[in-house]
Amino acid sequence: MNLHAIVIAVIVLTLLAVSLARLGKVKTKADYLVAGRTLPAFVLIFTLLSSWIGSGSLLGGAENAYKHGFVALWQAGGGWAGLVLIYFIAPRARKFARFTIPDLLETRYNQTARVLGVIAILLTYTAITSYQFIGGGDILHLIFPSVIDPIRGRYIIAAFVILFTAIAGMSSVAYMDLFIGLLATTTMCLALPVLVHRAGGWQAVHAALPPTHFQILGDLTFIRCLELFIPTCLLLLGNQSMYQKFFSAKSERAARQAVVGWIIGTVILETVIVALAVTGAAMFPTGEVSKAPREILAYTGMHGFEPAATTVVVGAGGKVRSVVDAPAVSMTSVLFLRLLGALLMGAIFAKIVSTANNWLFSPATNLVNDIYVRYLAPEASNQRILIVSRLMVVLLGFWALFQSLGTESVLKKALYAYTIYSAALTPVILAAFFWRRATAAAAVASIAIGTAVTVAWDTVARHLPAAIGQRDAIFPALIASLICLFVVSQFTAQPTQQQLEAFGEV
């Protein structure tokens, strides 16, 4: 068994041990859904970091960086902008302290908003889970190319994720994220300077790639950059998985402290991910990975740390190539390099599993809390709720797996998922906290139109002028959603005092 396989096996066994260790602490609905509201700031930081940075960054963002350079940070930058705003939202969210976003929607608006919110969340979160399966499958294929093809890899990853998520719920997810967040942050920060050195230094990386790889807009238009920035920002602002973490915090102070650490960690890690992908583009401009650039980080972990001659493109504009021979190294250095490459691969794998856990667990809580307990079995016992919760994880895991089998572009799937949430839910969630005039009828209209425009956009866009039809759905869906929210609010009855009390707006 090779070193990469050993590292993956150790990670899987560690995650399983963490899940089983938390199993005995899960006895009630609150234990399973929000970890008994006991998570300290330190755990919150890493579970927030791990849930946010997954295949969207490690595959979609890395592919964008491989092709276009540091302009890929526009997508990450949307998250950074959202995080700054979240600093002011986190204490309010913890004070509200329910279980899910649809809880919030019904409290502030009405039951119809709750049900439509569940639909939008299911569409978004299972789509995001689906491309985590793609990323994990790609990594297993790279490690075991003759045994596991990418499709079979997706089935294996789906099985891991469903098992880990079902065992102990939020408690399991949060403490697995603590381990994964520490592993990924440390490994990637160590790997970047080593990889740049092996590529011949930053000057060689810069010379190997087109100048646009290092420009603010790169070779993209400003509108295209906004289409990367805005969905990411709005998804983060309304992200149910994030709010569930705040609901799980031991206090409002812990929630606010966690956001500070989350901001610092996300800025560092997202920048390192893009820099790793850009360095990988300089080291491996052709070959197998150039045909599947979403695999650049994992491919670099496999091949970028081998103590052999390193091919580096050093000519201006990437037109002239030369080979830089690596100096002789000791056996200790060889082992260190290989271990670092294996740990980088393992960290990427673990981050993907972690993100899949989070995005699969969250919609399962919606089906249990917002449909099953709310409408079908309001008097259900804790034991029965736990059984149904685990069953929902399994069913949604299969749905996400089915979606992964029909997905080609991770970046396109990510932007589709982000747009549903950004247009349908983020406006009404922010209005719940910050705009007392928002009405129930307006929220229902906003959620419905935001979801409908996003889902139908690819079909409708074919019949529109090219200047509009070739754009992503974010602008039409978001504009339609905001118009509904503001206009309908002006012509319908103001919210009651009871609707405003839970948000401190009376």
Protein backbone atom coordinates (compact mmCIF):
# COMPACT_ATOMS: atom_id res chain seq x y z
CA MET A 1 0.00 0.00 0.00
CA ASN A 2 1.47 3.41 -0.96
CA LEU A 3 1.95 6.31 1.43
CA HIS A 4 -1.05 8.25 0.08
CA ALA A 5 -3.32 5.26 0.69
CA ILE A 6 -1.99 4.86 4.25
CA VAL A 7 -2.68 8.54 5.03
CA ILE A 8 -6.23 8.29 3.65
CA ALA A 9 -6.86 5.11 5.67
CA VAL A 10 -5.61 6.78 8.89
CA ILE A 11 -7.85 9.80 8.26
CA VAL A 12 -10.93 7.64 7.63
CA LEU A 13 -10.31 5.61 10.79
CA THR A 14 -9.74 8.77 12.84
CA LEU A 15 -12.99 10.32 11.60
CA LEU A 16 -14.85 7.12 12.38
CA ALA A 17 -13.36 7.06 15.89
CA VAL A 18 -14.40 10.70 16.48
CA SER A 19 -17.95 9.96 15.31
CA LEU A 20 -18.28 6.89 17.51
CA ALA A 21 -16.84 8.78 20.49
CA ARG A 22 -19.57 11.41 20.18
CA LEU A 23 -22.36 8.84 19.72
CA GLY A 24 -22.85 8.28 23.45
CA LYS A 25 -23.47 11.99 24.02
CA VAL A 26 -26.44 12.12 21.63
CA LYS A 27 -29.65 11.43 23.54
CA THR A 28 -32.09 14.18 22.51
CA LYS A 29 -33.23 16.12 19.46
CA ALA A 30 -31.15 19.13 20.57
CA ASP A 31 -28.06 16.94 21.01
CA TYR A 32 -28.37 15.64 17.45
CA LEU A 33 -29.39 18.85 15.66
CA VAL A 34 -27.39 21.53 17.53
CA ALA A 35 -24.92 19.57 19.72
CA GLY A 36 -26.90 20.46 22.84
CA ARG A 37 -25.91 24.14 22.33
CA THR A 38 -22.53 23.45 23.97
CA LEU A 39 -19.90 24.20 21.28
CA PRO A 40 -17.07 26.51 22.47
CA ALA A 41 -15.53 29.17 20.21
CA PHE A 42 -12.43 27.09 19.39
CA VAL A 43 -14.50 24.19 18.02
CA LEU A 44 -16.86 26.59 16.24
CA ILE A 45 -13.97 28.24 14.37
CA PHE A 46 -12.80 25.00 12.79
CA THR A 47 -16.23 23.55 12.09
CA LEU A 48 -17.20 26.81 10.34
CA LEU A 49 -13.93 26.81 8.41
CA SER A 50 -14.25 23.16 7.41
CA SER A 51 -17.88 23.42 6.37
CA TRP A 52 -17.24 26.46 4.18
CA ILE A 53 -14.07 25.41 2.34
CA GLY A 54 -14.76 22.22 0.40
CA SER A 55 -14.95 21.14 -3.22
CA GLY A 56 -16.24 24.55 -4.29
CA SER A 57 -12.81 25.94 -3.38
CA LEU A 58 -10.62 22.85 -3.68
CA LEU A 59 -11.98 21.79 -7.08
CA GLY A 60 -14.03 24.61 -8.63
CA GLY A 61 -11.90 27.46 -7.29
CA ALA A 62 -8.64 25.59 -7.97
CA GLU A 63 -9.75 24.85 -11.55
CA ASN A 64 -10.51 28.54 -12.02
CA ALA A 65 -7.08 29.45 -10.63
CA TYR A 66 -5.33 26.89 -12.86
CA LYS A 67 -6.98 28.39 -15.94
CA HIS A 68 -7.13 32.08 -15.04
CA GLY A 69 -4.85 32.74 -12.05
CA PHE A 70 -5.44 34.87 -8.97
CA VAL A 71 -8.66 36.30 -10.41
CA ALA A 72 -10.18 33.16 -8.86
CA LEU A 73 -9.98 35.02 -5.54
CA TRP A 74 -13.06 36.99 -6.61
CA GLN A 75 -15.08 33.92 -5.68
CA ALA A 76 -13.31 33.60 -2.32
CA GLY A 77 -13.57 37.37 -1.81
CA GLY A 78 -17.35 37.16 -1.85
CA GLY A 79 -17.09 34.92 1.18
CA TRP A 80 -14.72 37.33 2.91
CA ALA A 81 -17.13 40.23 2.42
CA GLY A 82 -19.95 38.08 3.77
CA LEU A 83 -17.89 37.15 6.83
CA VAL A 84 -17.36 40.78 7.79
CA LEU A 85 -21.13 41.31 7.79
CA ILE A 86 -21.71 38.06 9.67
CA TYR A 87 -19.71 39.41 12.60
CA PHE A 88 -22.73 41.61 13.38
CA ILE A 89 -25.29 38.87 12.67
CA ALA A 90 -23.79 36.03 14.75
CA PRO A 91 -24.88 37.27 18.23
CA ARG A 92 -28.42 37.91 16.96
CA ALA A 93 -28.55 34.43 15.47
CA ARG A 94 -27.43 32.82 18.74
CA LYS A 95 -29.97 34.88 20.67
CA PHE A 96 -32.71 33.62 18.35
CA ALA A 97 -31.43 30.05 19.02
CA ARG A 98 -33.84 27.77 17.16
CA PHE A 99 -32.82 24.73 15.10
CA THR A 100 -33.04 25.68 11.39
CA ILE A 101 -33.49 28.58 8.97
CA PRO A 102 -37.12 27.56 8.25
CA ASP A 103 -37.73 27.94 12.03
CA LEU A 104 -36.60 31.53 11.57
CA LEU A 105 -38.77 31.98 8.46
CA GLU A 106 -41.95 30.81 10.17
CA THR A 107 -41.28 32.83 13.33
CA ARG A 108 -40.70 36.03 11.38
CA TYR A 109 -43.04 35.41 8.43
CA ASN A 110 -45.41 32.41 8.16
CA GLN A 111 -45.73 28.65 7.53
CA THR A 112 -45.65 29.03 3.75
CA ALA A 113 -42.27 30.75 4.00
CA ARG A 114 -41.07 27.80 6.10
CA VAL A 115 -42.11 25.21 3.49
CA LEU A 116 -40.70 27.17 0.53
CA GLY A 117 -37.50 27.67 2.51
CA VAL A 118 -37.17 23.91 3.00
CA ILE A 119 -37.53 23.37 -0.77
CA ALA A 120 -34.86 25.96 -1.60
CA ILE A 121 -32.49 24.50 1.00
CA LEU A 122 -32.95 20.94 -0.25
CA LEU A 123 -32.17 22.01 -3.83
CA THR A 124 -29.09 23.97 -2.73
CA TYR A 125 -27.58 21.66 -0.16
CA THR A 126 -27.94 18.37 -2.00
CA ALA A 127 -26.40 20.02 -5.09
CA ILE A 128 -23.42 21.15 -3.01
CA THR A 129 -23.11 17.71 -1.40
CA SER A 130 -23.15 16.12 -4.87
CA TYR A 131 -19.96 17.75 -6.04
CA GLN A 132 -18.21 16.87 -2.79
CA PHE A 133 -18.77 13.27 -3.87
CA ILE A 134 -17.21 14.13 -7.25
CA GLY A 135 -14.11 15.57 -5.57
CA GLY A 136 -13.68 12.62 -3.23
CA GLY A 137 -14.15 10.20 -6.12
CA ASP A 138 -11.46 12.00 -8.14
CA ILE A 139 -8.98 11.67 -5.27
CA LEU A 140 -9.63 7.96 -4.78
CA HIS A 141 -9.14 7.46 -8.53
CA LEU A 142 -5.79 9.28 -8.41
CA ILE A 143 -4.58 7.09 -5.53
CA PHE A 144 -5.96 3.80 -6.88
CA PRO A 145 -6.14 4.39 -10.67
CA SER A 146 -6.30 0.72 -11.64
CA VAL A 147 -8.87 -0.24 -9.01
CA ILE A 148 -11.22 2.73 -8.50
CA ASP A 149 -12.58 4.77 -11.38
CA PRO A 150 -14.06 8.25 -10.62
CA ILE A 151 -17.66 6.98 -10.64
CA ARG A 152 -16.94 4.10 -8.28
CA GLY A 153 -15.06 6.57 -6.11
CA ARG A 154 -18.22 8.68 -5.79
CA TYR A 155 -20.13 5.68 -4.46
CA ILE A 156 -17.40 4.97 -1.89
CA ILE A 157 -17.22 8.59 -0.71
CA ALA A 158 -21.02 8.75 -0.48
CA ALA A 159 -20.96 5.70 1.78
CA PHE A 160 -18.30 7.28 4.04
CA VAL A 161 -20.15 10.58 4.30
CA ILE A 162 -23.57 9.06 4.95
CA LEU A 163 -22.14 6.83 7.70
CA PHE A 164 -20.17 9.61 9.42
CA THR A 165 -23.04 12.09 9.26
CA ALA A 166 -25.74 9.69 10.47
CA ILE A 167 -23.85 8.48 13.53
CA ALA A 168 -23.93 11.48 15.88
CA GLY A 169 -25.31 14.50 14.01
CA MET A 170 -23.99 17.99 14.76
CA SER A 171 -21.75 16.80 17.58
CA SER A 172 -20.04 14.33 15.27
CA VAL A 173 -19.76 16.87 12.46
CA ALA A 174 -18.32 19.63 14.66
CA TYR A 175 -15.61 17.54 16.33
CA MET A 176 -14.59 15.86 13.06
CA ASP A 177 -14.28 19.38 11.63
CA LEU A 178 -11.95 20.35 14.47
CA PHE A 179 -9.52 17.58 13.50
CA ILE A 180 -9.90 18.23 9.76
CA GLY A 181 -9.56 22.00 10.05
CA LEU A 182 -6.31 21.72 12.01
CA LEU A 183 -4.92 19.15 9.56
CA ALA A 184 -5.84 21.09 6.41
CA THR A 185 -4.72 24.51 7.62
CA THR A 186 -1.34 23.28 8.85
CA THR A 187 -0.62 21.06 5.85
CA MET A 188 -1.55 23.56 3.14
CA CYS A 189 0.39 26.39 4.76
CA LEU A 190 3.46 24.14 4.97
CA ALA A 191 3.03 22.80 1.44
CA LEU A 192 2.88 26.15 -0.37
CA PRO A 193 6.44 27.44 0.30
CA VAL A 194 7.88 23.97 -0.34
CA LEU A 195 6.04 23.67 -3.64
CA VAL A 196 7.05 27.18 -4.78
CA HIS A 197 10.69 26.32 -3.99
CA ARG A 198 10.44 23.10 -6.01
CA ALA A 199 8.97 25.07 -8.92
CA GLY A 200 12.09 27.25 -9.01
CA GLY A 201 10.89 30.11 -6.82
CA TRP A 202 8.09 32.63 -7.20
CA GLN A 203 9.88 34.40 -10.04
CA ALA A 204 9.88 31.19 -12.07
CA VAL A 205 6.18 30.61 -11.33
CA HIS A 206 5.42 34.16 -12.45
CA ALA A 207 7.46 33.74 -15.65
CA ALA A 208 5.80 30.42 -16.45
CA LEU A 209 2.30 31.83 -16.72
CA PRO A 210 0.56 34.59 -18.69
CA PRO A 211 0.64 38.06 -17.03
CA THR A 212 -3.16 37.94 -16.68
CA HIS A 213 -2.78 35.20 -14.07
CA PHE A 214 -1.51 37.85 -11.65
CA GLN A 215 -3.90 40.72 -12.44
CA ILE A 216 -7.00 41.79 -10.51
CA LEU A 217 -9.45 41.01 -13.31
CA GLY A 218 -7.18 38.60 -15.15
CA ASP A 219 -8.65 37.60 -18.47
CA LEU A 220 -12.24 37.86 -17.17
CA THR A 221 -14.67 40.76 -17.45
CA PHE A 222 -15.76 42.74 -14.41
CA ILE A 223 -19.31 41.36 -14.77
CA ARG A 224 -17.97 37.81 -14.77
CA CYS A 225 -15.98 38.57 -11.62
CA LEU A 226 -19.16 39.85 -9.96
CA GLU A 227 -20.92 36.63 -10.99
CA LEU A 228 -18.29 34.80 -8.92
CA PHE A 229 -18.33 37.29 -6.03
CA ILE A 230 -22.04 37.93 -5.40
CA PRO A 231 -23.42 34.36 -5.17
CA THR A 232 -20.62 33.39 -2.77
CA CYS A 233 -21.20 36.44 -0.59
CA LEU A 234 -24.95 35.97 -0.40
CA LEU A 235 -24.74 32.23 0.18
CA LEU A 236 -22.49 32.84 3.15
CA LEU A 237 -24.77 35.52 4.59
CA GLY A 238 -27.76 33.20 4.57
CA ASN A 239 -26.03 29.84 4.98
CA GLN A 240 -28.18 27.58 7.15
CA SER A 241 -25.22 25.37 8.06
CA MET A 242 -23.52 28.47 9.50
CA TYR A 243 -26.61 29.55 11.43
CA GLN A 244 -26.95 26.04 12.87
CA LYS A 245 -23.39 26.38 14.17
CA PHE A 246 -24.34 29.69 15.80
CA PHE A 247 -27.45 28.03 17.27
CA SER A 248 -25.06 25.34 18.62
CA ALA A 249 -22.74 27.86 20.32
CA LYS A 250 -22.55 27.83 24.11
CA SER A 251 -23.13 31.62 24.19
CA GLU A 252 -23.52 34.77 22.07
CA ARG A 253 -19.94 35.71 22.98
CA ALA A 254 -18.63 32.37 21.69
CA ALA A 255 -20.49 32.92 18.42
CA ARG A 256 -18.90 36.34 17.89
CA GLN A 257 -15.41 35.10 18.82
CA ALA A 258 -15.78 32.22 16.37
CA VAL A 259 -16.52 34.61 13.50
CA VAL A 260 -13.24 36.49 14.12
CA GLY A 261 -11.25 33.26 13.92
CA TRP A 262 -13.28 32.13 10.92
CA ILE A 263 -12.49 35.35 9.02
CA ILE A 264 -8.75 35.01 9.64
CA GLY A 265 -8.69 31.30 8.78
CA THR A 266 -10.76 31.67 5.62
CA VAL A 267 -8.72 34.54 4.18
CA ILE A 268 -5.49 32.62 4.77
CA LEU A 269 -6.70 29.23 3.56
CA GLU A 270 -8.54 30.45 0.44
CA THR A 271 -5.49 32.47 -0.63
CA VAL A 272 -3.19 29.50 -0.05
CA ILE A 273 -5.50 27.24 -2.11
CA VAL A 274 -5.42 29.62 -5.09
CA ALA A 275 -1.63 30.07 -4.77
CA LEU A 276 -1.19 26.27 -4.71
CA ALA A 277 -3.28 25.92 -7.86
CA VAL A 278 -1.36 28.70 -9.64
CA THR A 279 1.95 27.07 -8.68
CA GLY A 280 0.60 23.75 -9.90
CA ALA A 281 -0.31 25.38 -13.22
CA ALA A 282 3.31 26.48 -13.64
CA MET A 283 4.67 23.02 -12.77
CA PHE A 284 2.15 20.98 -14.76
CA PRO A 285 1.01 23.09 -17.75
CA THR A 286 0.35 20.02 -19.90
CA GLY A 287 -0.40 16.36 -19.47
CA GLU A 288 -3.18 14.52 -17.67
CA VAL A 289 -4.10 17.28 -15.22
CA SER A 290 -4.46 19.90 -17.98
CA LYS A 291 -7.45 17.90 -19.24
CA ALA A 292 -9.00 17.74 -15.74
CA PRO A 293 -7.78 20.95 -14.05
CA ARG A 294 -10.19 20.59 -11.12
CA GLU A 295 -7.80 17.87 -9.86
CA ILE A 296 -4.76 20.19 -9.76
CA LEU A 297 -4.39 20.28 -5.96
CA ALA A 298 -4.69 16.53 -5.53
CA TYR A 299 -2.47 15.93 -8.60
CA THR A 300 0.16 18.25 -7.13
CA GLY A 301 0.02 16.35 -3.86
CA MET A 302 0.65 13.13 -5.81
CA HIS A 303 3.41 14.37 -8.14
CA GLY A 304 4.69 17.76 -6.99
CA PHE A 305 6.77 16.54 -4.05
CA GLU A 306 8.61 13.69 -5.68
CA PRO A 307 12.42 14.26 -5.40
CA ALA A 308 13.09 14.21 -9.15
CA ALA A 309 13.82 16.71 -11.90
CA THR A 310 11.11 19.36 -11.99
CA THR A 311 9.95 20.77 -15.29
CA VAL A 312 9.35 24.53 -15.00
CA VAL A 313 8.17 26.91 -17.73
CA VAL A 314 10.38 29.95 -17.33
CA GLY A 315 9.95 31.90 -20.56
CA ALA A 316 7.96 35.13 -20.82
CA GLY A 317 4.32 34.44 -21.52
CA GLY A 318 4.92 30.73 -21.05
CA LYS A 319 6.35 30.31 -24.56
CA VAL A 320 9.87 29.20 -23.62
CA ARG A 321 10.38 26.11 -21.48
CA SER A 322 13.38 24.76 -19.63
CA VAL A 323 14.09 21.99 -17.12
CA VAL A 324 15.41 22.84 -13.66
CA ASP A 325 17.11 19.84 -12.08
CA ALA A 326 16.39 19.40 -8.41
CA PRO A 327 19.53 19.18 -6.25
CA ALA A 328 20.39 15.90 -4.55
CA VAL A 329 18.54 15.47 -1.27
CA SER A 330 18.96 13.20 1.75
CA MET A 331 16.73 10.24 2.49
CA THR A 332 15.20 12.21 5.38
CA SER A 333 14.27 15.03 2.99
CA VAL A 334 12.83 12.54 0.52
CA LEU A 335 10.62 11.04 3.23
CA PHE A 336 9.56 14.50 4.42
CA LEU A 337 8.60 15.57 0.89
CA ARG A 338 6.64 12.42 0.22
CA LEU A 339 4.88 12.61 3.57
CA LEU A 340 4.00 16.27 2.98
CA GLY A 341 2.57 15.41 -0.45
CA ALA A 342 0.55 12.56 1.05
CA LEU A 343 -0.71 14.80 3.86
CA LEU A 344 -1.73 17.45 1.33
CA MET A 345 -3.71 14.85 -0.57
CA GLY A 346 -5.18 13.60 2.71
CA ALA A 347 -6.08 17.12 3.85
CA ILE A 348 -7.94 17.78 0.59
CA PHE A 349 -9.76 14.46 0.94
CA ALA A 350 -10.66 15.20 4.56
CA LYS A 351 -11.90 18.70 3.73
CA ILE A 352 -14.16 17.30 1.04
CA VAL A 353 -15.58 14.69 3.44
CA SER A 354 -16.06 17.37 6.09
CA THR A 355 -17.90 19.71 3.73
CA ALA A 356 -20.09 16.88 2.50
CA ASN A 357 -20.96 15.99 6.12
CA ASN A 358 -22.06 19.55 6.83
CA TRP A 359 -24.06 20.11 3.67
CA LEU A 360 -25.76 16.71 3.93
CA PHE A 361 -26.60 17.03 7.62
CA SER A 362 -28.19 20.46 7.29
CA PRO A 363 -31.09 19.59 4.91
CA ALA A 364 -31.74 16.41 6.88
CA THR A 365 -32.51 18.60 9.88
CA ASN A 366 -34.99 20.51 7.73
CA LEU A 367 -36.94 17.40 6.78
CA VAL A 368 -37.00 16.27 10.41
CA ASN A 369 -37.55 19.56 12.25
CA ASP A 370 -39.51 21.54 9.66
CA ILE A 371 -41.66 18.82 8.09
CA TYR A 372 -41.74 15.65 10.21
CA VAL A 373 -41.90 17.20 13.71
CA ARG A 374 -43.73 20.35 12.63
CA TYR A 375 -46.52 18.71 10.63
CA LEU A 376 -46.46 14.91 10.80
CA ALA A 377 -45.45 13.88 14.35
CA PRO A 378 -45.27 16.86 16.70
CA GLU A 379 -45.37 14.57 19.76
CA ALA A 380 -42.64 12.21 18.54
CA SER A 381 -40.19 11.01 21.19
CA ASN A 382 -36.50 11.87 21.09
CA GLN A 383 -35.65 8.27 20.19
CA ARG A 384 -38.06 8.29 17.26
CA ILE A 385 -36.74 11.66 16.04
CA LEU A 386 -33.17 10.35 16.12
CA ILE A 387 -34.16 7.32 14.02
CA VAL A 388 -35.97 9.47 11.47
CA SER A 389 -33.05 11.94 11.40
CA ARG A 390 -30.59 9.22 10.47
CA LEU A 391 -32.97 7.87 7.84
CA MET A 392 -33.22 11.33 6.26
CA VAL A 393 -29.42 11.55 6.10
CA VAL A 394 -29.35 8.27 4.18
CA LEU A 395 -32.11 9.26 1.74
CA LEU A 396 -30.65 12.69 1.01
CA GLY A 397 -27.21 11.12 0.61
CA PHE A 398 -28.57 8.90 -2.15
CA TRP A 399 -30.21 11.89 -3.83
CA ALA A 400 -26.94 13.83 -3.76
CA LEU A 401 -25.11 10.80 -5.17
CA PHE A 402 -27.62 10.59 -8.03
CA GLN A 403 -27.02 14.28 -8.84
CA SER A 404 -23.24 13.76 -8.84
CA LEU A 405 -23.52 11.13 -11.57
CA GLY A 406 -24.91 13.71 -14.00
CA THR A 407 -22.56 16.60 -13.17
CA GLU A 408 -19.59 17.54 -15.36
CA SER A 409 -18.49 21.00 -14.14
CA VAL A 410 -18.05 21.47 -10.39
CA LEU A 411 -17.76 25.25 -10.78
CA LYS A 412 -21.01 25.49 -12.75
CA LYS A 413 -22.84 23.26 -10.26
CA ALA A 414 -21.49 25.35 -7.38
CA LEU A 415 -22.67 28.63 -8.88
CA TYR A 416 -26.11 27.12 -9.58
CA ALA A 417 -26.44 26.00 -5.95
CA TYR A 418 -25.13 29.30 -4.60
CA THR A 419 -27.58 31.25 -6.77
CA ILE A 420 -30.66 29.39 -5.55
CA TYR A 421 -29.79 30.21 -1.97
CA SER A 422 -28.54 33.73 -2.69
CA ALA A 423 -31.70 34.77 -4.52
CA ALA A 424 -34.33 32.77 -2.65
CA LEU A 425 -33.26 32.88 0.99
CA THR A 426 -30.52 35.35 1.84
CA PRO A 427 -32.65 38.49 1.18
CA VAL A 428 -35.49 37.35 3.45
CA ILE A 429 -33.09 36.08 6.15
CA LEU A 430 -31.27 39.42 6.32
CA ALA A 431 -34.59 41.25 6.25
CA ALA A 432 -35.72 39.18 9.25
CA PHE A 433 -32.81 40.54 11.29
CA PHE A 434 -32.50 44.06 9.94
CA TRP A 435 -35.73 45.29 8.24
CA ARG A 436 -38.82 45.42 10.41
CA ARG A 437 -41.08 46.38 7.48
CA ALA A 438 -40.57 43.08 5.61
CA THR A 439 -43.88 41.21 5.46
CA ALA A 440 -44.87 37.56 5.24
CA ALA A 441 -46.44 37.91 1.79
CA ALA A 442 -43.30 39.60 0.50
CA ALA A 443 -41.06 36.88 1.91
CA VAL A 444 -43.15 34.14 0.28
CA ALA A 445 -43.06 35.92 -3.08
CA SER A 446 -39.32 36.56 -2.81
CA ILE A 447 -38.43 32.94 -1.98
CA ALA A 448 -40.70 31.56 -4.70
CA ILE A 449 -39.51 33.84 -7.50
CA GLY A 450 -35.82 33.53 -6.56
CA THR A 451 -36.03 29.73 -6.68
CA ALA A 452 -38.10 29.61 -9.86
CA VAL A 453 -35.91 31.99 -11.87
CA THR A 454 -32.72 30.11 -10.94
CA VAL A 455 -34.10 26.65 -11.69
CA ALA A 456 -35.66 27.75 -14.99
CA TRP A 457 -32.85 30.06 -16.16
CA ASP A 458 -30.96 27.62 -18.38
CA THR A 459 -34.17 26.81 -20.25
CA VAL A 460 -35.41 30.41 -20.52
CA ALA A 461 -32.00 31.91 -21.34
CA ARG A 462 -31.84 30.07 -24.69
CA HIS A 463 -34.67 32.25 -25.98
CA LEU A 464 -33.20 35.56 -24.81
CA PRO A 465 -30.71 37.87 -26.58
CA ALA A 466 -27.15 36.57 -26.26
CA ALA A 467 -26.02 39.51 -24.10
CA ILE A 468 -28.48 38.36 -21.42
CA GLY A 469 -28.91 34.66 -22.14
CA GLN A 470 -25.20 33.88 -21.85
CA ARG A 471 -25.01 35.30 -18.32
CA ASP A 472 -25.38 33.26 -15.13
CA ALA A 473 -28.71 33.35 -13.29
CA ILE A 474 -27.53 35.37 -10.29
CA PHE A 475 -28.46 38.88 -11.49
CA PRO A 476 -31.96 38.12 -12.90
CA ALA A 477 -32.85 35.85 -9.97
CA LEU A 478 -31.58 38.24 -7.30
CA ILE A 479 -33.16 41.33 -8.88
CA ALA A 480 -36.53 39.58 -9.23
CA SER A 481 -36.33 38.39 -5.61
CA LEU A 482 -35.47 41.84 -4.23
CA ILE A 483 -38.20 43.55 -6.24
CA CYS A 484 -40.75 41.13 -4.81
CA LEU A 485 -39.46 41.62 -1.27
CA PHE A 486 -39.51 45.42 -1.34
CA VAL A 487 -42.58 46.07 -3.50
CA VAL A 488 -44.89 43.51 -1.90
CA SER A 489 -43.83 44.70 1.59
CA GLN A 490 -45.08 48.20 0.75
CA PHE A 491 -48.56 46.95 -0.18
CA THR A 492 -49.21 44.36 2.51
CA ALA A 493 -49.87 44.52 6.24
CA GLN A 494 -46.92 45.20 8.53
CA PRO A 495 -45.60 42.34 10.67
CA THR A 496 -47.09 41.93 14.14
CA GLN A 497 -45.29 42.71 17.39
CA GLN A 498 -45.07 38.97 18.13
CA GLN A 499 -43.26 38.37 14.81
CA LEU A 500 -40.69 41.05 15.64
CA GLU A 501 -40.06 40.17 19.30
CA ALA A 502 -37.83 37.13 18.67
CA PHE A 503 -35.47 39.34 16.65
CA GLY A 504 -35.24 42.19 19.14
CA GLU A 505 -37.00 44.63 16.82
CA VAL A 506 -39.83 45.87 19.06
